[in-house]
């Protein structure tokens, strides 16, 4: 799943959780799924940041 798809899924989960229409068990499962997606997104962002730093450092060395 792409970063954008994961963000969309996370938004869907938040909307479901905020509706309060799920059972406790369903809510806990959705929360766990949301935390996992959130962590995946954080990892993607951190990796992207590291790549940008490397690119910028390489660009600065070439000048």
Protein backbone atom coordinates (compact mmCIF):
# COMPACT_ATOMS: atom_id res chain seq x y z
CA UNK A 1 0.00 0.00 0.00
CA UNK A 2 1.33 3.46 -0.86
CA UNK A 3 1.76 6.20 1.71
CA UNK A 4 -1.30 7.98 0.34
CA UNK A 5 -3.40 4.82 0.47
CA UNK A 6 -2.34 4.21 4.06
CA UNK A 7 -3.27 7.76 5.06
CA UNK A 8 -6.68 7.32 3.43
CA UNK A 9 -7.21 4.02 5.29
CA UNK A 10 -6.13 5.66 8.54
CA UNK A 11 -8.67 8.44 7.99
CA UNK A 12 -11.37 5.84 7.39
CA UNK A 13 -10.47 4.07 10.63
CA UNK A 14 -10.56 7.34 12.57
CA UNK A 15 -14.00 8.14 11.16
CA UNK A 16 -15.31 4.71 12.14
CA UNK A 17 -13.84 4.99 15.63
CA UNK A 18 -15.28 8.47 16.10
CA UNK A 19 -18.73 7.26 15.08
CA UNK A 20 -18.87 5.06 18.19
CA UNK A 21 -20.94 2.46 16.33
CA UNK A 22 -18.57 -0.49 16.72
CA UNK A 23 -18.38 -2.98 19.55
CA UNK A 24 -15.51 -2.81 22.01
CA UNK A 25 -13.79 -5.75 20.33
CA UNK A 26 -14.13 -4.17 16.87
CA UNK A 27 -12.92 -0.84 18.23
CA UNK A 28 -9.81 -2.42 19.73
CA UNK A 29 -9.02 -4.22 16.44
CA UNK A 30 -9.47 -1.02 14.46
CA UNK A 31 -7.30 0.88 16.93
CA UNK A 32 -4.54 -1.72 16.59
CA UNK A 33 -4.80 -1.56 12.81
CA UNK A 34 -4.65 2.23 12.92
CA UNK A 35 -1.56 2.19 15.14
CA UNK A 36 0.17 -0.19 12.73
CA UNK A 37 -0.68 1.98 9.74
CA UNK A 38 0.42 5.07 11.64
CA UNK A 39 3.79 3.46 12.41
CA UNK A 40 4.19 2.42 8.76
CA UNK A 41 3.52 5.99 7.65
CA UNK A 42 6.01 7.32 10.18
CA UNK A 43 8.65 4.91 8.87
CA UNK A 44 7.97 5.96 5.28
CA UNK A 45 8.32 9.62 6.23
CA UNK A 46 11.55 8.99 8.15
CA UNK A 47 13.02 7.04 5.22
CA UNK A 48 12.03 9.79 2.82
CA UNK A 49 13.60 12.41 5.07
CA UNK A 50 16.84 10.44 5.20
CA UNK A 51 16.90 10.16 1.40
CA UNK A 52 16.38 13.90 1.05
CA UNK A 53 19.22 14.60 3.48
CA UNK A 54 21.53 12.32 1.48
CA UNK A 55 20.51 13.94 -1.80
CA UNK A 56 21.06 17.41 -0.35
CA UNK A 57 24.45 16.42 1.07
CA UNK A 58 25.51 14.95 -2.26
CA UNK A 59 24.32 18.06 -4.10
CA UNK A 60 26.26 20.31 -1.73
CA UNK A 61 29.45 18.28 -2.23
CA UNK A 62 29.21 18.59 -6.01
CA UNK A 63 29.03 22.38 -5.94
